[in-house]
Amino acid sequence: MKKHIAEESVLFVSVLKWTAFASVVGVIVGASTTLFLKALGYAGQKTAGVPYFYLAIPVALYVSNLLAEVMDKDAAGEGLDKVIEAVHRDYGKVRFLVGPTKFIASIITIVGGGSVGKEAPPVQVGAALISSISKLFKMDKNDRRKLVICAISAGFASVFGAPIAGAIFG
């Protein structure tokens, strides 16, 4: 009987722990996604109506690629693949600099006319933030992996406003 009660207590505490962690991750990633979308909207308003806008595409792509090469090479290219790879190979370890680099480079690319999806930057920025926070709190690698998966779900869900799809995506 005592073993049964102890097992249920451990499960209950685990559920409470991960509910709290997932909620905090959701707030942090949701806030970073909101900041990204607001910055993207602001930058888009500033460049709206610029004559010969299409001439900015090569410059924007060059600048965003150069930024990624100088700040953090993991921010270059498709972010979702790199985050998924980090979850599987490195237990969710994503360097902090990937976040700001992807944030800025994606805004430059999108505003400059490049074709980039809106879901990858918030996912990669959120994963970098949460991975760094888990390192700051000295969490073990399995917990970090789960938190980064929560960040992936939160980033996807916050961009599209689809929490069920975000959970399935994660």
N, C-alpha and C. Protein backbone atom coordinates (compact mmCIF):
# COMPACT_ATOMS: atom_id res chain seq x y z
N MET A 1 0.83 -1.21 0.00
CA MET A 1 0.00 0.00 0.00
C MET A 1 0.87 1.27 0.00
N LYS A 2 1.93 1.27 0.85
CA LYS A 2 2.81 2.44 0.92
C LYS A 2 3.51 2.67 -0.42
N LYS A 3 3.91 1.60 -1.08
CA LYS A 3 4.59 1.71 -2.37
C LYS A 3 3.66 2.35 -3.40
N HIS A 4 2.39 1.95 -3.38
CA HIS A 4 1.40 2.48 -4.32
C HIS A 4 1.19 3.98 -4.08
N ILE A 5 1.08 4.39 -2.84
CA ILE A 5 0.89 5.80 -2.50
C ILE A 5 2.13 6.61 -2.87
N ALA A 6 3.30 6.07 -2.61
CA ALA A 6 4.54 6.77 -2.95
C ALA A 6 4.66 6.96 -4.45
N GLU A 7 4.30 5.95 -5.22
CA GLU A 7 4.36 6.04 -6.68
C GLU A 7 3.41 7.10 -7.20
N GLU A 8 2.20 7.13 -6.67
CA GLU A 8 1.22 8.13 -7.09
C GLU A 8 1.67 9.53 -6.70
N SER A 9 2.32 9.66 -5.55
CA SER A 9 2.81 10.97 -5.12
C SER A 9 3.90 11.48 -6.05
N VAL A 10 4.80 10.58 -6.44
CA VAL A 10 5.86 10.96 -7.37
C VAL A 10 5.27 11.39 -8.70
N LEU A 11 4.30 10.66 -9.19
CA LEU A 11 3.65 11.03 -10.46
C LEU A 11 2.93 12.37 -10.35
N PHE A 12 2.26 12.60 -9.25
CA PHE A 12 1.54 13.86 -9.04
C PHE A 12 2.52 15.04 -9.01
N VAL A 13 3.61 14.87 -8.28
CA VAL A 13 4.61 15.94 -8.20
C VAL A 13 5.23 16.18 -9.58
N SER A 14 5.47 15.13 -10.34
CA SER A 14 6.02 15.26 -11.69
C SER A 14 5.06 16.03 -12.60
N VAL A 15 3.79 15.72 -12.51
CA VAL A 15 2.79 16.44 -13.31
C VAL A 15 2.77 17.92 -12.93
N LEU A 16 2.81 18.22 -11.64
CA LEU A 16 2.84 19.62 -11.20
C LEU A 16 4.10 20.32 -11.70
N LYS A 17 5.23 19.65 -11.58
CA LYS A 17 6.51 20.22 -12.03
C LYS A 17 6.44 20.58 -13.51
N TRP A 18 6.01 19.66 -14.36
CA TRP A 18 6.01 19.90 -15.79
C TRP A 18 4.90 20.85 -16.22
N THR A 19 3.83 20.92 -15.47
CA THR A 19 2.80 21.92 -15.75
C THR A 19 3.37 23.32 -15.50
N ALA A 20 4.08 23.47 -14.39
CA ALA A 20 4.69 24.76 -14.07
C ALA A 20 5.77 25.11 -15.09
N PHE A 21 6.65 24.15 -15.41
CA PHE A 21 7.71 24.41 -16.39
C PHE A 21 7.14 24.78 -17.75
N ALA A 22 6.16 24.02 -18.21
CA ALA A 22 5.57 24.28 -19.53
C ALA A 22 4.88 25.65 -19.56
N SER A 23 4.27 26.04 -18.45
CA SER A 23 3.62 27.35 -18.38
C SER A 23 4.64 28.48 -18.48
N VAL A 24 5.75 28.34 -17.77
CA VAL A 24 6.80 29.35 -17.82
C VAL A 24 7.40 29.42 -19.22
N VAL A 25 7.66 28.27 -19.81
CA VAL A 25 8.19 28.22 -21.18
C VAL A 25 7.22 28.90 -22.14
N GLY A 26 5.94 28.62 -21.99
CA GLY A 26 4.93 29.23 -22.86
C GLY A 26 4.91 30.75 -22.75
N VAL A 27 5.04 31.26 -21.54
CA VAL A 27 5.04 32.71 -21.34
C VAL A 27 6.30 33.33 -21.97
N ILE A 28 7.45 32.73 -21.74
CA ILE A 28 8.70 33.28 -22.27
C ILE A 28 8.72 33.23 -23.80
N VAL A 29 8.37 32.09 -24.36
CA VAL A 29 8.40 31.96 -25.82
C VAL A 29 7.28 32.80 -26.45
N GLY A 30 6.13 32.85 -25.81
CA GLY A 30 5.04 33.70 -26.32
C GLY A 30 5.43 35.17 -26.33
N ALA A 31 6.12 35.61 -25.29
CA ALA A 31 6.58 37.00 -25.23
C ALA A 31 7.62 37.28 -26.31
N SER A 32 8.55 36.34 -26.51
CA SER A 32 9.56 36.56 -27.56
C SER A 32 8.94 36.53 -28.95
N THR A 33 7.93 35.71 -29.15
CA THR A 33 7.23 35.67 -30.44
C THR A 33 6.46 36.97 -30.68
N THR A 34 5.82 37.47 -29.64
CA THR A 34 5.12 38.75 -29.75
C THR A 34 6.08 39.87 -30.12
N LEU A 35 7.23 39.88 -29.47
CA LEU A 35 8.24 40.88 -29.78
C LEU A 35 8.70 40.75 -31.23
N PHE A 36 8.90 39.52 -31.68
CA PHE A 36 9.31 39.29 -33.07
C PHE A 36 8.26 39.80 -34.05
N LEU A 37 7.01 39.45 -33.82
CA LEU A 37 5.94 39.85 -34.75
C LEU A 37 5.73 41.36 -34.74
N LYS A 38 5.85 42.00 -33.57
CA LYS A 38 5.74 43.47 -33.48
C LYS A 38 6.90 44.13 -34.23
N ALA A 39 8.12 43.64 -34.03
CA ALA A 39 9.29 44.20 -34.72
C ALA A 39 9.16 44.00 -36.22
N LEU A 40 8.66 42.85 -36.63
CA LEU A 40 8.46 42.58 -38.05
C LEU A 40 7.42 43.52 -38.64
N GLY A 41 6.33 43.74 -37.92
CA GLY A 41 5.31 44.67 -38.39
C GLY A 41 5.82 46.10 -38.47
N TYR A 42 6.58 46.51 -37.47
CA TYR A 42 7.15 47.86 -37.46
C TYR A 42 8.11 48.05 -38.63
N ALA A 43 8.99 47.08 -38.82
CA ALA A 43 9.95 47.18 -39.93
C ALA A 43 9.23 47.15 -41.27
N GLY A 44 8.17 46.38 -41.37
CA GLY A 44 7.39 46.33 -42.60
C GLY A 44 6.72 47.65 -42.90
N GLN A 45 6.22 48.33 -41.87
CA GLN A 45 5.60 49.65 -42.06
C GLN A 45 6.61 50.68 -42.53
N LYS A 46 7.82 50.60 -41.99
CA LYS A 46 8.86 51.57 -42.34
C LYS A 46 9.33 51.40 -43.79
N THR A 47 9.25 50.20 -44.32
CA THR A 47 9.71 49.97 -45.68
C THR A 47 8.58 49.95 -46.71
N ALA A 48 7.35 50.06 -46.24
CA ALA A 48 6.22 50.06 -47.18
C ALA A 48 6.26 51.32 -48.04
N GLY A 49 6.01 51.14 -49.30
CA GLY A 49 5.96 52.26 -50.21
C GLY A 49 7.32 52.71 -50.73
N VAL A 50 8.36 51.96 -50.42
CA VAL A 50 9.69 52.31 -50.92
C VAL A 50 9.74 51.98 -52.42
N PRO A 51 10.11 52.96 -53.24
CA PRO A 51 10.19 52.67 -54.68
C PRO A 51 11.32 51.68 -54.98
N TYR A 52 11.12 50.88 -55.99
CA TYR A 52 12.11 49.88 -56.40
C TYR A 52 12.49 48.94 -55.25
N PHE A 53 11.48 48.55 -54.51
CA PHE A 53 11.64 47.68 -53.34
C PHE A 53 12.37 46.38 -53.69
N TYR A 54 12.09 45.86 -54.85
CA TYR A 54 12.67 44.57 -55.25
C TYR A 54 14.20 44.61 -55.35
N LEU A 55 14.77 45.80 -55.46
CA LEU A 55 16.23 45.91 -55.52
C LEU A 55 16.87 45.65 -54.15
N ALA A 56 16.06 45.68 -53.09
CA ALA A 56 16.59 45.46 -51.74
C ALA A 56 16.79 43.97 -51.42
N ILE A 57 16.18 43.09 -52.21
CA ILE A 57 16.25 41.66 -51.90
C ILE A 57 17.69 41.15 -51.83
N PRO A 58 18.53 41.39 -52.84
CA PRO A 58 19.90 40.86 -52.74
C PRO A 58 20.68 41.45 -51.57
N VAL A 59 20.47 42.73 -51.29
CA VAL A 59 21.17 43.38 -50.18
C VAL A 59 20.72 42.78 -48.85
N ALA A 60 19.41 42.62 -48.69
CA ALA A 60 18.87 42.06 -47.45
C ALA A 60 19.37 40.63 -47.23
N LEU A 61 19.38 39.83 -48.27
CA LEU A 61 19.85 38.45 -48.13
C LEU A 61 21.34 38.42 -47.80
N TYR A 62 22.12 39.29 -48.43
CA TYR A 62 23.56 39.35 -48.14
C TYR A 62 23.79 39.76 -46.69
N VAL A 63 23.09 40.81 -46.23
CA VAL A 63 23.28 41.32 -44.87
C VAL A 63 22.86 40.27 -43.84
N SER A 64 21.72 39.62 -44.05
CA SER A 64 21.26 38.63 -43.07
C SER A 64 22.19 37.41 -43.05
N ASN A 65 22.70 37.00 -44.21
CA ASN A 65 23.64 35.89 -44.25
C ASN A 65 24.96 36.26 -43.58
N LEU A 66 25.44 37.46 -43.84
CA LEU A 66 26.67 37.92 -43.21
C LEU A 66 26.51 37.98 -41.69
N LEU A 67 25.38 38.48 -41.24
CA LEU A 67 25.09 38.55 -39.81
C LEU A 67 25.13 37.16 -39.18
N ALA A 68 24.51 36.20 -39.85
CA ALA A 68 24.49 34.84 -39.33
C ALA A 68 25.89 34.23 -39.32
N GLU A 69 26.67 34.50 -40.34
CA GLU A 69 28.03 33.96 -40.40
C GLU A 69 28.92 34.57 -39.31
N VAL A 70 28.74 35.85 -39.03
CA VAL A 70 29.58 36.54 -38.05
C VAL A 70 29.16 36.21 -36.63
N MET A 71 27.86 36.25 -36.33
CA MET A 71 27.39 36.06 -34.96
C MET A 71 27.32 34.60 -34.55
N ASP A 72 26.63 33.78 -35.34
CA ASP A 72 26.49 32.37 -35.00
C ASP A 72 26.06 31.59 -36.22
N LYS A 73 26.89 30.69 -36.68
CA LYS A 73 26.62 29.94 -37.91
C LYS A 73 25.39 29.04 -37.80
N ASP A 74 25.01 28.66 -36.57
CA ASP A 74 23.82 27.82 -36.41
C ASP A 74 22.53 28.58 -36.71
N ALA A 75 22.60 29.90 -36.79
CA ALA A 75 21.42 30.69 -37.12
C ALA A 75 21.21 30.80 -38.63
N ALA A 76 22.18 30.38 -39.40
CA ALA A 76 22.07 30.46 -40.86
C ALA A 76 21.15 29.36 -41.37
N GLY A 77 20.39 29.69 -42.40
CA GLY A 77 19.55 28.69 -43.05
C GLY A 77 18.28 28.37 -42.28
N GLU A 78 17.78 27.19 -42.53
CA GLU A 78 16.51 26.73 -41.94
C GLU A 78 16.68 26.42 -40.46
N GLY A 79 15.94 27.11 -39.63
CA GLY A 79 16.09 26.96 -38.19
C GLY A 79 15.43 25.74 -37.60
N LEU A 80 14.31 25.32 -38.17
CA LEU A 80 13.59 24.18 -37.60
C LEU A 80 14.43 22.92 -37.62
N ASP A 81 15.12 22.69 -38.72
CA ASP A 81 15.97 21.49 -38.81
C ASP A 81 17.05 21.50 -37.74
N LYS A 82 17.64 22.65 -37.50
CA LYS A 82 18.72 22.73 -36.51
C LYS A 82 18.21 22.54 -35.10
N VAL A 83 17.02 23.04 -34.81
CA VAL A 83 16.45 22.86 -33.47
C VAL A 83 16.09 21.39 -33.25
N ILE A 84 15.49 20.77 -34.25
CA ILE A 84 15.15 19.35 -34.14
C ILE A 84 16.41 18.51 -33.99
N GLU A 85 17.45 18.86 -34.74
CA GLU A 85 18.73 18.16 -34.62
C GLU A 85 19.31 18.33 -33.22
N ALA A 86 19.21 19.54 -32.67
CA ALA A 86 19.72 19.79 -31.32
C ALA A 86 18.98 18.95 -30.28
N VAL A 87 17.69 18.77 -30.46
CA VAL A 87 16.91 17.95 -29.53
C VAL A 87 17.38 16.50 -29.59
N HIS A 88 17.60 16.00 -30.78
CA HIS A 88 17.95 14.59 -30.93
C HIS A 88 19.42 14.30 -30.65
N ARG A 89 20.31 15.19 -31.03
CA ARG A 89 21.74 14.91 -30.89
C ARG A 89 22.38 15.49 -29.64
N ASP A 90 21.92 16.68 -29.23
CA ASP A 90 22.58 17.39 -28.12
C ASP A 90 21.68 17.61 -26.92
N TYR A 91 20.63 16.82 -26.79
CA TYR A 91 19.70 16.95 -25.66
C TYR A 91 19.15 18.37 -25.54
N GLY A 92 18.88 19.00 -26.68
CA GLY A 92 18.27 20.33 -26.69
C GLY A 92 19.21 21.47 -26.43
N LYS A 93 20.49 21.26 -26.56
CA LYS A 93 21.45 22.34 -26.32
C LYS A 93 21.51 23.25 -27.55
N VAL A 94 21.07 24.49 -27.36
CA VAL A 94 21.10 25.51 -28.41
C VAL A 94 21.79 26.73 -27.81
N ARG A 95 22.81 27.23 -28.49
CA ARG A 95 23.54 28.38 -27.97
C ARG A 95 22.66 29.62 -27.94
N PHE A 96 22.90 30.47 -26.93
CA PHE A 96 22.09 31.68 -26.75
C PHE A 96 22.14 32.61 -27.94
N LEU A 97 23.32 32.79 -28.54
CA LEU A 97 23.48 33.74 -29.65
C LEU A 97 22.64 33.39 -30.86
N VAL A 98 22.20 32.15 -30.95
CA VAL A 98 21.34 31.75 -32.07
C VAL A 98 20.05 32.58 -32.03
N GLY A 99 19.53 32.83 -30.84
CA GLY A 99 18.27 33.56 -30.70
C GLY A 99 18.30 34.96 -31.28
N PRO A 100 19.15 35.84 -30.74
CA PRO A 100 19.19 37.20 -31.29
C PRO A 100 19.61 37.26 -32.76
N THR A 101 20.51 36.35 -33.15
CA THR A 101 20.95 36.33 -34.55
C THR A 101 19.80 36.00 -35.47
N LYS A 102 19.05 34.95 -35.13
CA LYS A 102 17.92 34.54 -35.97
C LYS A 102 16.82 35.61 -35.96
N PHE A 103 16.60 36.23 -34.82
CA PHE A 103 15.61 37.29 -34.67
C PHE A 103 15.89 38.42 -35.66
N ILE A 104 17.11 38.94 -35.64
CA ILE A 104 17.47 40.08 -36.48
C ILE A 104 17.56 39.68 -37.95
N ALA A 105 18.24 38.57 -38.21
CA ALA A 105 18.42 38.14 -39.61
C ALA A 105 17.10 37.83 -40.28
N SER A 106 16.15 37.25 -39.56
CA SER A 106 14.84 36.93 -40.15
C SER A 106 14.06 38.19 -40.48
N ILE A 107 14.12 39.17 -39.60
CA ILE A 107 13.42 40.43 -39.87
C ILE A 107 14.03 41.11 -41.10
N ILE A 108 15.34 41.14 -41.18
CA ILE A 108 16.00 41.74 -42.36
C ILE A 108 15.59 41.01 -43.63
N THR A 109 15.59 39.69 -43.58
CA THR A 109 15.25 38.90 -44.76
C THR A 109 13.80 39.11 -45.19
N ILE A 110 12.88 39.03 -44.24
CA ILE A 110 11.45 39.16 -44.56
C ILE A 110 11.13 40.57 -45.05
N VAL A 111 11.62 41.57 -44.35
CA VAL A 111 11.34 42.96 -44.74
C VAL A 111 12.01 43.29 -46.07
N GLY A 112 13.16 42.67 -46.32
CA GLY A 112 13.86 42.90 -47.59
C GLY A 112 13.24 42.18 -48.76
N GLY A 113 12.24 41.36 -48.51
CA GLY A 113 11.55 40.68 -49.60
C GLY A 113 11.92 39.21 -49.75
N GLY A 114 12.74 38.70 -48.87
CA GLY A 114 13.12 37.29 -48.93
C GLY A 114 11.97 36.39 -48.49
N SER A 115 12.03 35.18 -48.94
CA SER A 115 10.99 34.21 -48.61
C SER A 115 11.40 33.38 -47.41
N VAL A 116 10.85 33.72 -46.27
CA VAL A 116 11.13 33.01 -45.02
C VAL A 116 9.80 32.82 -44.32
N GLY A 117 9.58 31.65 -43.77
CA GLY A 117 8.35 31.41 -43.01
C GLY A 117 8.40 32.12 -41.67
N LYS A 118 7.22 32.45 -41.15
CA LYS A 118 7.17 33.12 -39.86
C LYS A 118 7.32 32.17 -38.68
N GLU A 119 7.22 30.87 -38.91
CA GLU A 119 7.24 29.94 -37.77
C GLU A 119 8.64 29.57 -37.32
N ALA A 120 9.61 29.52 -38.21
CA ALA A 120 10.95 29.08 -37.84
C ALA A 120 11.67 30.03 -36.88
N PRO A 121 11.64 31.35 -37.11
CA PRO A 121 12.36 32.23 -36.18
C PRO A 121 11.86 32.15 -34.73
N PRO A 122 10.55 32.21 -34.46
CA PRO A 122 10.13 32.10 -33.07
C PRO A 122 10.48 30.75 -32.43
N VAL A 123 10.44 29.69 -33.22
CA VAL A 123 10.81 28.38 -32.69
C VAL A 123 12.29 28.37 -32.32
N GLN A 124 13.14 28.88 -33.20
CA GLN A 124 14.57 28.87 -32.93
C GLN A 124 14.95 29.84 -31.82
N VAL A 125 14.34 31.02 -31.80
CA VAL A 125 14.60 31.99 -30.74
C VAL A 125 14.15 31.43 -29.39
N GLY A 126 12.95 30.85 -29.37
CA GLY A 126 12.44 30.26 -28.13
C GLY A 126 13.30 29.11 -27.64
N ALA A 127 13.75 28.27 -28.54
CA ALA A 127 14.61 27.14 -28.16
C ALA A 127 15.93 27.65 -27.58
N ALA A 128 16.49 28.69 -28.18
CA ALA A 128 17.75 29.25 -27.67
C ALA A 128 17.56 29.85 -26.29
N LEU A 129 16.47 30.57 -26.09
CA LEU A 129 16.19 31.17 -24.78
C LEU A 129 16.02 30.10 -23.71
N ILE A 130 15.20 29.11 -24.01
CA ILE A 130 14.89 28.09 -23.00
C ILE A 130 16.10 27.21 -22.73
N SER A 131 16.86 26.89 -23.75
CA SER A 131 18.08 26.10 -23.54
C SER A 131 19.05 26.87 -22.64
N SER A 132 19.17 28.16 -22.86
CA SER A 132 20.06 28.99 -22.03
C SER A 132 19.56 29.10 -20.60
N ILE A 133 18.26 29.23 -20.43
CA ILE A 133 17.69 29.31 -19.09
C ILE A 133 17.89 28.00 -18.35
N SER A 134 17.72 26.88 -19.06
CA SER A 134 17.93 25.58 -18.40
C SER A 134 19.40 25.41 -17.98
N LYS A 135 20.30 25.96 -18.78
CA LYS A 135 21.72 25.92 -18.41
C LYS A 135 21.97 26.80 -17.19
N LEU A 136 21.34 27.95 -17.15
CA LEU A 136 21.49 28.87 -16.03
C LEU A 136 21.04 28.22 -14.71
N PHE A 137 19.95 27.45 -14.77
CA PHE A 137 19.43 26.77 -13.58
C PHE A 137 20.02 25.38 -13.39
N LYS A 138 21.03 25.03 -14.19
CA LYS A 138 21.75 23.77 -14.08
C LYS A 138 20.83 22.54 -14.11
N MET A 139 19.91 22.55 -15.06
CA MET A 139 19.00 21.41 -15.22
C MET A 139 19.73 20.30 -15.96
N ASP A 140 19.32 19.07 -15.71
CA ASP A 140 19.98 17.96 -16.40
C ASP A 140 19.57 17.92 -17.86
N LYS A 141 20.31 17.13 -18.64
CA LYS A 141 20.13 17.14 -20.09
C LYS A 141 18.77 16.61 -20.53
N ASN A 142 18.18 15.69 -19.80
CA ASN A 142 16.86 15.17 -20.17
C ASN A 142 15.77 16.22 -19.93
N ASP A 143 15.88 16.95 -18.82
CA ASP A 143 14.92 18.03 -18.58
C ASP A 143 15.07 19.14 -19.61
N ARG A 144 16.32 19.46 -19.97
CA ARG A 144 16.55 20.49 -21.00
C ARG A 144 15.91 20.08 -22.31
N ARG A 145 16.06 18.82 -22.68
CA ARG A 145 15.47 18.33 -23.93
C ARG A 145 13.94 18.52 -23.90
N LYS A 146 13.32 18.16 -22.80
CA LYS A 146 11.87 18.31 -22.69
C LYS A 146 11.45 19.78 -22.74
N LEU A 147 12.24 20.64 -22.08
CA LEU A 147 11.92 22.08 -22.10
C LEU A 147 12.06 22.66 -23.50
N VAL A 148 13.06 22.24 -24.24
CA VAL A 148 13.23 22.75 -25.61
C VAL A 148 12.09 22.24 -26.49
N ILE A 149 11.63 21.03 -26.27
CA ILE A 149 10.46 20.54 -27.01
C ILE A 149 9.24 21.39 -26.67
N CYS A 150 9.09 21.76 -25.40
CA CYS A 150 8.00 22.67 -25.02
C CYS A 150 8.15 24.02 -25.73
N ALA A 151 9.40 24.50 -25.86
CA ALA A 151 9.65 25.77 -26.55
C ALA A 151 9.29 25.68 -28.02
N ILE A 152 9.59 24.55 -28.64
CA ILE A 152 9.23 24.34 -30.04
C ILE A 152 7.71 24.43 -30.19
N SER A 153 7.01 23.74 -29.33
CA SER A 153 5.54 23.76 -29.37
C SER A 153 5.00 25.16 -29.13
N ALA A 154 5.56 25.84 -28.15
CA ALA A 154 5.09 27.19 -27.83
C ALA A 154 5.36 28.18 -28.96
N GLY A 155 6.52 28.07 -29.59
CA GLY A 155 6.84 28.96 -30.70
C GLY A 155 5.90 28.77 -31.87
N PHE A 156 5.66 27.53 -32.22
CA PHE A 156 4.75 27.21 -33.32
C PHE A 156 3.33 27.65 -32.99
N ALA A 157 2.88 27.33 -31.78
CA ALA A 157 1.52 27.67 -31.37
C ALA A 157 1.31 29.18 -31.29
N SER A 158 2.31 29.92 -30.82
CA SER A 158 2.13 31.36 -30.66
C SER A 158 2.11 32.11 -31.98
N VAL A 159 2.80 31.61 -32.99
CA VAL A 159 2.77 32.27 -34.30
C VAL A 159 1.42 32.09 -34.96
N PHE A 160 0.90 30.88 -34.91
CA PHE A 160 -0.33 30.57 -35.63
C PHE A 160 -1.57 30.60 -34.76
N GLY A 161 -1.42 30.75 -33.46
CA GLY A 161 -2.57 30.75 -32.56
C GLY A 161 -3.26 29.38 -32.55
N ALA A 162 -2.47 28.33 -32.64
CA ALA A 162 -3.00 26.98 -32.72
C ALA A 162 -2.28 26.09 -31.70
N PRO A 163 -2.73 26.09 -30.44
CA PRO A 163 -2.01 25.34 -29.42
C PRO A 163 -1.99 23.81 -29.63
N ILE A 164 -3.06 23.25 -30.15
CA ILE A 164 -3.09 21.82 -30.40
C ILE A 164 -2.09 21.47 -31.50
N ALA A 165 -2.07 22.25 -32.57
CA ALA A 165 -1.11 22.03 -33.65
C ALA A 165 0.32 22.20 -33.13
N GLY A 166 0.54 23.16 -32.25
CA GLY A 166 1.87 23.36 -31.66
C GLY A 166 2.30 22.16 -30.86
N ALA A 167 1.38 21.61 -30.08
CA ALA A 167 1.71 20.43 -29.27
C ALA A 167 2.05 19.24 -30.16
N ILE A 168 1.28 19.06 -31.22
CA ILE A 168 1.55 17.96 -32.14
C ILE A 168 2.87 18.19 -32.88
N PHE A 169 3.12 19.42 -33.28
CA PHE A 169 4.37 19.74 -33.96
C PHE A 169 5.57 19.45 -33.07
N GLY A 170 5.47 19.85 -31.78
CA GLY A 170 6.55 19.59 -30.83
C GLY A 170 6.77 18.12 -30.63
